[in-house]
Amino acid sequence: MHQLFPLARRRVLVAALALLVVLLLATRHLARAGAPSERPVAAQVEPLSANSVPKLVVHVVGAVRRPGLYRLPDRSRIADAVTRAGGTTRRADLSAVNLAAPVSDGIQVVVPARAPPAKGGGGDPAPSGPQGPVHLNTATLEELDALPGVGPVTAQKILDYRQQHGAFASIDELDAIPGIGPARLEQLREVAAP
């Protein structure tokens, strides 16, 4: 009879412990399910603690549904940033954005809008050059090749550098690419942006 009472007490203790674990897991799951998944980051970003997962903060602008600041996990791509901003609008020109490019902390992701169709009729032809700065972090080989003094070989070196080192933080990083010296770098400051 003495052995039955401690055995029943052990069963009750094990059942209570199992119930506690189930409640903790359920609370954690409900807390995650209730949090909005696409919430813009506040203007002030809290510092990361030593044991938290590294996150990137990017600024998404242009033809997206919810432009703003967003947190992304490390190793995210431009496509992830656009998705966090609610996706693109109907006017977005995704052919001008490299959705596979890696994202680095602090960059601005620009999703341009398609240009309105040209009006038929006589007028001055549209300029053939780029309308704004070429963004090094999203530019294609053809866009980089169109920059002054940059040919297809140097354009490929820029893409290779971006692939190996991540997104450009400034134009000055182009100095690390063979074939781009100080004079060429000064030319590119006027027509390119990170």
Protein backbone atom coordinates (compact mmCIF):
# COMPACT_ATOMS: atom_id res chain seq x y z
CA MET A 1 0.00 0.00 0.00
CA HIS A 2 2.92 2.38 0.70
CA GLN A 3 4.28 1.88 -2.82
CA LEU A 4 0.99 2.77 -4.55
CA PHE A 5 0.84 6.28 -3.10
CA PRO A 6 4.32 7.42 -4.33
CA LEU A 7 3.58 5.89 -7.76
CA ALA A 8 0.32 7.87 -8.06
CA ARG A 9 2.12 11.03 -6.92
CA ARG A 10 4.75 10.52 -9.65
CA ARG A 11 2.05 10.10 -12.29
CA VAL A 12 0.35 13.32 -11.20
CA LEU A 13 3.70 15.15 -11.23
CA VAL A 14 4.55 13.86 -14.74
CA ALA A 15 1.08 14.76 -16.02
CA ALA A 16 1.36 18.28 -14.54
CA LEU A 17 4.78 18.75 -16.14
CA ALA A 18 3.48 17.55 -19.52
CA LEU A 19 0.51 19.93 -19.24
CA LEU A 20 2.88 22.83 -18.46
CA VAL A 21 4.99 22.07 -21.55
CA VAL A 22 1.88 21.90 -23.75
CA LEU A 23 0.63 25.25 -22.38
CA LEU A 24 3.99 26.92 -22.99
CA LEU A 25 4.12 25.66 -26.57
CA ALA A 26 0.53 26.71 -27.24
CA THR A 27 1.15 30.20 -25.83
CA ARG A 28 4.25 30.60 -27.98
CA HIS A 29 2.40 29.44 -31.09
CA LEU A 30 -0.55 31.79 -30.47
CA ALA A 31 1.78 34.74 -29.84
CA ARG A 32 3.46 34.16 -33.20
CA ALA A 33 0.17 33.66 -35.03
CA GLY A 34 -1.29 36.89 -33.63
CA ALA A 35 1.67 39.08 -34.63
CA PRO A 36 1.30 40.84 -38.01
CA SER A 37 3.77 39.40 -40.50
CA GLU A 38 4.25 42.49 -42.66
CA ARG A 39 4.64 45.29 -40.17
CA PRO A 40 6.90 48.20 -41.11
CA VAL A 41 9.80 48.83 -38.79
CA ALA A 42 9.49 51.89 -36.59
CA ALA A 43 11.68 54.87 -37.38
CA GLN A 44 13.88 53.95 -34.42
CA VAL A 45 15.24 50.44 -34.68
CA GLU A 46 16.07 48.76 -31.41
CA PRO A 47 19.59 47.28 -31.14
CA LEU A 48 19.96 43.54 -31.49
CA SER A 49 20.91 41.56 -28.42
CA ALA A 50 23.84 39.17 -28.45
CA ASN A 51 21.65 36.06 -28.74
CA SER A 52 19.12 37.35 -31.27
CA VAL A 53 19.10 36.47 -34.97
CA PRO A 54 20.83 39.13 -37.10
CA LYS A 55 18.36 41.17 -39.10
CA LEU A 56 18.73 43.67 -41.88
CA VAL A 57 16.81 46.91 -42.11
CA VAL A 58 15.97 48.08 -45.63
CA HIS A 59 13.98 50.99 -47.04
CA VAL A 60 11.59 49.91 -49.81
CA VAL A 61 10.22 52.69 -52.04
CA GLY A 62 8.62 53.17 -55.42
CA ALA A 63 5.87 51.11 -57.01
CA VAL A 64 5.12 48.92 -53.96
CA ARG A 65 1.91 48.71 -51.93
CA ARG A 66 3.40 49.73 -48.55
CA PRO A 67 6.69 51.65 -48.87
CA GLY A 68 8.69 51.94 -45.67
CA LEU A 69 11.39 50.45 -43.46
CA TYR A 70 11.37 46.67 -43.05
CA ARG A 71 13.36 44.10 -41.10
CA LEU A 72 14.55 41.08 -43.04
CA PRO A 73 16.51 38.01 -41.99
CA ASP A 74 20.17 37.80 -42.90
CA ARG A 75 20.81 36.52 -46.46
CA SER A 76 17.54 37.96 -47.79
CA ARG A 77 17.07 38.96 -51.44
CA ILE A 78 15.48 42.00 -53.08
CA ALA A 79 12.40 39.83 -53.78
CA ASP A 80 11.98 39.28 -50.03
CA ALA A 81 12.07 43.04 -49.41
CA VAL A 82 9.46 43.68 -52.12
CA THR A 83 7.22 40.96 -50.66
CA ARG A 84 7.49 42.47 -47.16
CA ALA A 85 6.40 45.82 -48.64
CA GLY A 86 3.14 44.22 -49.77
CA GLY A 87 4.28 43.35 -53.29
CA THR A 88 4.31 45.58 -56.33
CA THR A 89 1.63 47.79 -57.78
CA ARG A 90 0.30 47.29 -61.31
CA ARG A 91 2.55 50.06 -62.58
CA ALA A 92 5.79 48.43 -61.32
CA ASP A 93 8.54 47.76 -63.85
CA LEU A 94 10.15 44.59 -62.49
CA SER A 95 12.40 44.27 -65.52
CA ALA A 96 14.44 47.12 -64.00
CA VAL A 97 14.91 45.33 -60.66
CA ASN A 98 17.20 42.40 -59.97
CA LEU A 99 14.96 40.46 -57.58
CA ALA A 100 17.69 37.86 -56.95
CA ALA A 101 20.26 40.40 -55.69
CA PRO A 102 21.26 39.99 -52.04
CA VAL A 103 20.15 42.64 -49.58
CA SER A 104 22.57 44.35 -47.21
CA ASP A 105 21.75 46.35 -44.12
CA GLY A 106 20.73 49.94 -44.70
CA ILE A 107 20.09 49.88 -48.46
CA GLN A 108 17.18 51.44 -50.27
CA VAL A 109 15.28 49.14 -52.63
CA VAL A 110 13.70 51.16 -55.45
CA VAL A 111 10.94 49.58 -57.55
CA PRO A 112 10.43 51.94 -60.50
CA ALA A 113 7.11 52.47 -62.23
CA ARG A 114 6.73 51.78 -65.94
CA ALA A 115 7.01 54.84 -68.12
CA PRO A 116 3.73 55.90 -69.69
CA PRO A 117 3.38 54.83 -73.32
CA ALA A 118 4.84 57.30 -75.81
CA LYS A 119 2.29 59.44 -77.54
CA GLY A 120 2.17 58.90 -81.28
CA GLY A 121 3.02 61.99 -83.17
CA GLY A 122 5.92 64.13 -84.15
CA GLY A 123 8.02 65.40 -81.39
CA ASP A 124 11.48 65.16 -80.08
CA PRO A 125 12.62 61.58 -79.71
CA ALA A 126 13.04 60.37 -76.16
CA PRO A 127 16.60 60.44 -74.88
CA SER A 128 18.29 57.07 -75.16
CA GLY A 129 20.38 57.32 -71.97
CA PRO A 130 19.21 56.39 -68.49
CA GLN A 131 16.70 58.78 -66.92
CA GLY A 132 18.21 58.65 -63.44
CA PRO A 133 21.21 57.17 -61.69
CA VAL A 134 21.97 53.51 -62.29
CA HIS A 135 21.66 51.69 -58.96
CA LEU A 136 24.66 49.40 -58.55
CA ASN A 137 22.79 46.99 -56.25
CA THR A 138 19.98 46.27 -58.71
CA ALA A 139 21.46 47.07 -62.15
CA THR A 140 21.65 44.42 -64.85
CA LEU A 141 24.71 43.71 -66.98
CA GLU A 142 23.25 45.81 -69.80
CA GLU A 143 22.57 48.79 -67.51
CA LEU A 144 26.10 48.67 -66.09
CA ASP A 145 27.55 48.32 -69.61
CA ALA A 146 25.77 51.56 -70.61
CA LEU A 147 27.66 53.56 -67.96
CA PRO A 148 30.44 55.83 -69.30
CA GLY A 149 33.77 54.03 -69.52
CA VAL A 150 32.29 50.69 -68.40
CA GLY A 151 32.31 47.94 -70.99
CA PRO A 152 30.86 44.45 -70.78
CA VAL A 153 33.97 43.03 -69.05
CA THR A 154 33.99 45.68 -66.31
CA ALA A 155 30.20 45.40 -65.96
CA GLN A 156 30.60 41.66 -65.32
CA LYS A 157 33.32 42.42 -62.74
CA ILE A 158 30.88 44.74 -60.95
CA LEU A 159 28.24 41.98 -60.89
CA ASP A 160 30.83 39.45 -59.65
CA TYR A 161 31.94 41.83 -56.89
CA ARG A 162 28.31 42.38 -55.84
CA GLN A 163 27.74 38.62 -55.75
CA GLN A 164 30.85 37.97 -53.61
CA HIS A 165 30.72 40.97 -51.26
CA GLY A 166 27.02 41.83 -51.09
CA ALA A 167 25.35 45.11 -51.89
CA PHE A 168 27.33 48.30 -52.42
CA ALA A 169 27.18 50.73 -49.50
CA SER A 170 28.76 53.57 -51.51
CA ILE A 171 30.14 54.42 -54.94
CA ASP A 172 33.66 54.41 -53.45
CA GLU A 173 33.55 50.59 -53.31
CA LEU A 174 33.90 50.56 -57.13
CA ASP A 175 37.57 51.45 -56.57
CA ALA A 176 38.15 47.81 -55.56
CA ILE A 177 37.15 46.60 -59.03
CA PRO A 178 40.01 46.18 -61.53
CA GLY A 179 39.61 48.59 -64.43
CA ILE A 180 38.00 51.37 -62.39
CA GLY A 181 40.50 53.97 -61.29
CA PRO A 182 40.09 57.37 -59.62
CA ALA A 183 39.22 59.20 -62.88
CA ARG A 184 36.57 56.65 -63.88
CA LEU A 185 35.21 56.65 -60.32
CA GLU A 186 34.65 60.43 -60.53
CA GLN A 187 32.74 59.96 -63.83
CA LEU A 188 30.55 57.29 -62.28
CA ARG A 189 29.63 59.41 -59.24
CA GLU A 190 27.45 61.55 -61.51
CA VAL A 191 25.48 58.69 -63.09
CA ALA A 192 25.48 55.83 -60.54
CA ALA A 193 24.22 55.29 -57.01
CA PRO A 194 24.54 52.38 -54.54
